[in-house]
């Protein structure tokens, strides 16, 4: 999958240092994946949740949430938001 954009992840982990390893791991796995539908995503990340048109990933044991829009036919993952659990 083509993740757009790693820069957004980097900006987040520079503010939240504890998120860096989890986000780097997610990015590596997601960019090497070839998901065709949500069930493929859940095989890779069992706790991924669909919320409307978006997919939410728990990062670092649910301390952070990564919200993305996945366009399966194009193989694109668009980062929409990264939040702390409190947010």
Protein backbone atom coordinates (compact mmCIF):
# COMPACT_ATOMS: atom_id res chain seq x y z
CA UNK A 1 0.00 0.00 0.00
CA UNK A 2 1.13 3.54 -0.65
CA UNK A 3 0.87 5.44 2.65
CA UNK A 4 0.37 9.18 2.30
CA UNK A 5 2.25 10.60 4.09
CA UNK A 6 5.02 9.41 6.36
CA UNK A 7 5.84 13.06 7.06
CA UNK A 8 2.61 13.38 9.04
CA UNK A 9 3.56 10.37 11.14
CA UNK A 10 7.01 11.82 11.76
CA UNK A 11 5.57 15.16 12.86
CA UNK A 12 3.37 13.34 15.37
CA UNK A 13 6.12 11.15 16.82
CA UNK A 14 8.40 14.18 17.20
CA UNK A 15 5.78 15.60 19.60
CA UNK A 16 4.93 12.23 21.18
CA UNK A 17 8.21 10.33 21.45
CA UNK A 18 6.57 7.19 22.85
CA UNK A 19 4.60 6.82 19.61
CA UNK A 20 7.65 6.59 17.34
CA UNK A 21 8.31 2.85 17.45
CA UNK A 22 4.63 1.95 17.08
CA UNK A 23 4.09 4.32 14.16
CA UNK A 24 7.26 3.18 12.40
CA UNK A 25 6.18 -0.43 12.81
CA UNK A 26 2.67 0.33 11.51
CA UNK A 27 4.10 2.23 8.53
CA UNK A 28 6.49 -0.57 7.59
CA UNK A 29 3.78 -3.23 7.76
CA UNK A 30 1.14 -1.12 5.99
CA UNK A 31 3.45 -0.08 3.16
CA UNK A 32 4.45 -3.69 2.52
CA UNK A 33 0.84 -4.90 2.52
CA UNK A 34 -1.53 -5.33 -0.42
CA UNK A 35 -4.93 -5.05 1.20
CA UNK A 36 -7.97 -5.58 -1.01
CA UNK A 37 -10.67 -5.09 1.64
CA UNK A 38 -11.14 -4.46 5.36
CA UNK A 39 -10.85 -8.14 6.25
CA UNK A 40 -7.29 -8.12 4.87
CA UNK A 41 -6.52 -5.17 7.13
CA UNK A 42 -7.95 -7.03 10.12
CA UNK A 43 -5.84 -10.09 9.37
CA UNK A 44 -2.80 -7.83 9.68
CA UNK A 45 -4.14 -5.59 12.48
CA UNK A 46 -6.92 -7.46 14.33
CA UNK A 47 -7.99 -4.39 16.34
CA UNK A 48 -8.50 -2.13 13.32
CA UNK A 49 -12.00 -0.67 13.34
CA UNK A 50 -14.08 0.73 10.51
CA UNK A 51 -15.77 4.00 11.43
CA UNK A 52 -17.80 5.17 8.49
CA UNK A 53 -15.42 5.58 5.54
CA UNK A 54 -12.37 5.61 7.83
CA UNK A 55 -10.27 2.96 9.55
CA UNK A 56 -8.93 3.44 13.08
CA UNK A 57 -5.78 1.72 14.32
CA UNK A 58 -4.71 1.48 17.96
CA UNK A 59 -1.02 2.30 18.26
CA UNK A 60 1.23 1.48 21.24
CA UNK A 61 -1.34 -0.49 23.19
CA UNK A 62 -4.19 1.95 22.51
CA UNK A 63 -2.22 4.96 23.80
CA UNK A 64 -2.58 6.54 20.36
CA UNK A 65 -5.10 6.32 17.53
CA UNK A 66 -4.24 6.52 13.87
CA UNK A 67 -7.17 7.37 11.59
CA UNK A 68 -6.83 6.70 7.88
CA UNK A 69 -8.89 6.48 4.72
CA UNK A 70 -8.02 3.41 2.67
CA UNK A 71 -8.78 3.43 -1.05
CA UNK A 72 -8.44 -0.28 -1.73
CA UNK A 73 -8.68 -0.27 -5.56
CA UNK A 74 -5.87 2.31 -5.80
CA UNK A 75 -3.74 0.78 -3.05
CA UNK A 76 -3.62 4.09 -1.14
CA UNK A 77 -3.76 4.81 2.58
CA UNK A 78 -4.39 8.47 3.40
CA UNK A 79 -3.57 9.56 6.94
CA UNK A 80 -6.42 11.70 8.27
CA UNK A 81 -5.54 12.13 11.96
CA UNK A 82 -3.32 10.93 14.75
CA UNK A 83 -4.59 11.36 18.28
CA UNK A 84 -3.63 10.50 21.80
CA UNK A 85 -6.13 8.27 23.59
CA UNK A 86 -7.27 11.28 25.63
CA UNK A 87 -8.01 13.28 22.48
